Protein backbone atom coordinates (compact mmCIF):
# COMPACT_ATOMS: atom_id res chain seq x y z
CA MET A 1 34.92 47.79 -23.88
CA ARG A 2 34.81 43.97 -25.13
CA ILE A 3 35.59 42.44 -22.06
CA SER A 4 33.51 44.40 -19.81
CA LEU A 5 30.61 43.04 -22.32
CA LEU A 6 31.74 39.42 -22.46
CA THR A 7 32.26 39.73 -18.52
CA PHE A 8 28.85 41.26 -18.04
CA LEU A 9 27.08 38.41 -20.54
CA PHE A 10 28.60 35.94 -18.58
CA PHE A 11 27.26 37.40 -14.85
CA PHE A 12 23.97 37.92 -16.87
CA ASN A 13 23.66 34.31 -18.15
CA LEU A 14 24.90 33.01 -14.39
CA LEU A 15 21.86 34.89 -12.88
CA LEU A 16 19.68 33.03 -15.38
CA ILE A 17 21.17 29.76 -14.63
CA SER A 18 20.91 30.44 -10.82
CA CYS A 19 17.41 31.46 -10.89
CA GLU A 20 15.60 28.96 -13.19
CA THR A 21 13.87 25.93 -11.73
CA LYS A 22 15.60 22.62 -12.83
CA ARG A 23 14.13 19.57 -13.78
CA VAL A 24 15.62 16.26 -12.75
CA SER A 25 14.76 12.92 -14.07
CA ASP A 26 13.70 10.17 -11.23
CA LYS A 27 15.13 6.42 -12.11
CA ASP A 28 10.93 5.55 -12.41
CA GLY A 29 10.78 8.32 -15.47
CA SER A 30 8.39 10.92 -13.37
CA SER A 31 9.91 14.13 -13.83
CA PHE A 32 10.87 16.74 -10.33
CA LYS A 33 10.37 20.06 -10.38
CA SER A 34 12.63 21.56 -7.84
CA GLY A 35 11.36 24.64 -5.86
CA LYS A 36 9.06 26.62 -3.28
CA ASP A 37 4.98 26.44 -3.84
CA SER A 38 1.52 26.84 -2.06
CA VAL A 39 -1.06 23.99 -1.23
CA SER A 40 -4.04 23.87 0.59
CA ILE A 41 -4.53 20.50 2.45
CA LEU A 42 -8.47 19.72 4.27
CA LEU A 43 -8.11 18.49 7.37
CA ILE A 44 -10.63 16.22 8.88
CA GLU A 45 -10.77 15.26 12.46
CA LYS A 46 -13.75 13.91 14.80
CA GLY A 47 -16.51 16.25 14.08
CA THR A 48 -15.00 19.28 12.18
CA SER A 49 -12.78 19.86 8.74
CA HIS A 50 -10.95 22.86 7.73
CA LEU A 51 -8.33 24.13 5.15
CA ALA A 52 -4.77 24.71 6.13
CA ASN A 53 -2.24 26.83 3.74
CA TYR A 54 0.82 25.32 3.67
CA LYS A 55 4.31 26.43 2.07
CA VAL A 56 5.89 23.20 0.22
CA GLU A 57 9.67 22.96 -0.51
CA LYS A 58 10.90 20.59 -3.03
CA SER A 59 14.38 19.86 -2.79
CA LYS A 60 16.47 16.51 -4.07
CA THR A 61 20.06 15.96 -2.74
CA GLY A 62 21.67 13.05 -4.50
CA ARG A 63 19.64 10.24 -4.45
CA VAL A 64 16.96 11.73 -1.82
CA VAL A 65 14.23 13.77 -2.36
CA ALA A 66 12.10 15.80 0.29
CA PHE A 67 8.94 17.47 0.44
CA ASP A 68 8.83 20.15 3.36
CA TYR A 69 5.07 21.13 4.13
CA ASN A 70 5.06 24.06 6.91
CA ASN A 71 2.40 26.56 8.19
CA LEU A 72 2.10 28.24 11.37
CA ARG A 73 0.46 25.01 13.29
CA ASP A 74 2.05 22.18 11.79
CA THR A 75 4.98 21.02 9.64
CA PHE A 76 5.73 17.77 8.34
CA SER A 77 8.02 16.22 5.90
CA LEU A 78 8.15 13.08 3.31
CA PHE A 79 11.63 11.86 2.22
CA TYR A 80 12.21 9.27 -0.76
CA ASP A 81 15.14 7.98 -1.34
CA SER A 82 15.17 6.59 -5.09
CA LEU A 83 17.94 4.03 -5.11
CA LYS A 84 17.00 1.94 -1.87
CA GLU A 85 13.46 2.62 -2.51
CA ASN A 86 13.01 3.54 1.18
CA TYR A 87 10.36 6.36 2.18
CA MET A 88 10.74 8.07 5.62
CA GLY A 89 8.54 11.18 7.11
CA SER A 90 9.13 13.73 9.86
CA PHE A 91 6.31 15.21 11.35
CA GLY A 92 5.61 18.27 14.23
CA THR A 93 8.28 17.21 16.95
CA ARG A 94 8.12 13.19 16.81
CA ASP A 95 11.00 11.44 15.59
CA THR A 96 11.44 10.15 11.99
CA VAL A 97 8.73 7.46 10.92
CA HIS A 98 10.25 4.59 8.78
CA PHE A 99 7.37 3.67 6.51
CA TYR A 100 6.12 0.08 5.43
CA THR A 101 5.49 -0.13 1.63
CA ASP A 102 2.14 -1.26 1.24
CA THR A 103 1.15 -1.13 -1.98
CA THR A 104 2.73 0.61 -5.19
CA ILE A 105 0.34 1.28 -8.15
CA TYR A 106 0.71 3.19 -11.76
CA TYR A 107 -2.53 4.90 -12.84
CA SER A 108 -3.14 6.42 -16.45
CA ILE A 109 -4.10 9.74 -16.89
CA ASN A 110 -4.10 11.24 -20.36
CA SER A 111 -1.43 8.85 -21.26
CA ASN A 112 1.03 9.37 -18.84
CA ASN A 113 1.69 6.28 -15.61
CA TYR A 114 1.99 8.44 -12.45
CA LYS A 115 3.09 5.82 -9.44
CA VAL A 116 1.28 6.19 -6.24
CA VAL A 117 2.86 4.30 -3.17
CA LYS A 118 0.71 3.82 -0.11
CA LEU A 119 2.55 3.97 3.12
CA THR A 120 1.98 2.84 6.40
CA GLY A 121 3.62 4.59 9.54
CA ASP A 122 3.15 3.09 13.27
CA LYS A 123 2.35 -0.31 11.95
CA ASP A 124 2.49 -1.94 15.19
CA LEU A 125 1.22 0.37 17.58
CA THR A 126 -2.48 0.16 18.76
CA ASP A 127 -4.46 2.68 17.50
CA GLY A 128 -1.70 4.42 16.14
CA SER A 129 -1.20 3.10 12.05
CA PHE A 130 -1.94 5.55 9.85
CA SER A 131 -1.23 5.70 6.13
CA VAL A 132 -0.20 8.11 3.42
CA PHE A 133 -0.27 8.41 -0.08
CA PHE A 134 2.55 9.56 -2.03
CA SER A 135 3.70 10.22 -5.58
CA SER A 136 7.82 11.03 -5.82
CA GLU A 137 6.36 13.11 -8.71
CA PHE A 138 3.87 15.41 -6.83
CA GLY A 139 4.82 14.61 -3.32
CA PHE A 140 1.92 14.38 -0.37
CA LEU A 141 -1.44 13.66 -2.04
CA LEU A 142 -3.65 11.82 1.29
CA SER A 143 -3.37 10.55 5.00
CA ARG A 144 -5.39 9.29 6.95
CA SER A 145 -5.42 7.12 10.16
CA ASP A 146 -6.15 3.83 9.95
CA THR A 147 -8.26 3.69 13.12
CA TRP A 148 -9.93 7.02 13.78
CA ARG A 149 -11.86 9.19 11.44
CA SER A 150 -9.11 11.36 10.82
CA ALA A 151 -7.69 12.35 7.59
CA LYS A 152 -5.33 15.15 5.48
CA VAL A 153 -6.22 15.39 1.95
CA LEU A 154 -4.21 17.77 -0.55
CA GLN A 155 -7.06 19.76 -2.46
CA PRO A 156 -5.48 20.90 -5.83
CA ASN A 157 -4.99 24.42 -7.29
CA ASN A 158 -6.88 24.73 -10.19
CA GLU A 159 -4.79 27.02 -11.30
CA SER A 160 -1.41 24.91 -10.88
CA GLN A 161 -0.63 23.44 -14.69
CA ASP A 162 -0.78 19.44 -13.05
CA TYR A 163 -4.44 20.49 -11.71
CA LEU A 164 -6.08 17.47 -13.50
CA GLN A 165 -3.40 14.97 -12.88
CA ILE A 166 -3.33 15.38 -9.28
CA ALA A 167 -7.65 15.57 -9.07
CA THR A 168 -7.70 12.76 -11.11
CA LEU A 169 -5.32 10.93 -8.84
CA LEU A 170 -7.05 11.63 -5.71
CA PHE A 171 -10.02 10.59 -7.22
CA LYS A 172 -8.64 6.85 -8.40
CA ILE A 173 -6.96 6.32 -4.81
CA GLN A 174 -10.57 7.36 -3.19
CA GLU A 175 -12.53 5.13 -5.46
CA ASP A 176 -9.77 2.04 -5.35
CA ASN A 177 -10.86 -0.26 -2.77
CA GLY A 178 -8.07 -2.40 -3.13
CA ILE A 179 -5.49 0.32 -2.11
CA MET A 180 -7.78 2.22 0.59
CA LEU A 181 -9.28 -0.52 2.41
CA ASN A 182 -7.05 -1.46 5.41
CA ARG A 183 -4.94 -4.90 4.55
CA ILE A 184 -5.86 -7.46 7.36
CA PRO A 185 -3.51 -10.85 7.20
CA PRO A 186 -5.53 -13.49 7.13
CA PRO A 187 -5.79 -15.59 9.95
CA VAL A 188 -3.22 -18.19 11.04
CA ARG A 189 -4.72 -21.82 11.28
CA LYS A 190 -3.68 -23.36 14.06
CA GLU A 191 -3.37 -27.01 14.22
CA ILE A 192 -5.94 -28.01 17.13
CA GLN A 193 -4.40 -31.27 19.07
CA HIS A 194 -6.69 -33.55 20.44
CA LEU A 195 -5.72 -35.54 23.78
CA SER A 196 -7.15 -38.79 24.40
CA ILE A 197 -7.24 -39.61 27.99
CA GLU A 198 -7.87 -43.20 28.97
């Protein structure tokens, strides 16, 4: 009887541990909650806008954090290597995009600091460059074309425990001219040589 009770308790504890959502701490101090969730994203295109619901799967394998967003029409994934500070993305059937880190900024909300990274993809393509705003804690926040008037904006769920943080981050990003404006490199000044003909 005692052995079967101990066996039952062992398997019951194993079941509880396997069903538990785990929290993992990143090197920047933010915690990461793995698991599945649903989010709504506002899709803004030329002359139209609509909401799309995505299933989100958050996972961490070693030092790589992955956020996978899927619905019937669209799929995209964002990857973050916490050791190398590298960011990558996969969008539908396109090849993997290696992001250029444009800006890293910390926003303070209710005495907590949240790291937001502005990533630029397809930087060297004419009319193809786009920006993604990413949080290692919350994942995708906002993306927009750097040329065309199209964007995707995460719509925080007001029943979520992270609602205030995500809504405030989105507001701060959109109001921050330093991070939202396209970065235009300063012109290269070339010396003009004057030739004199005699």
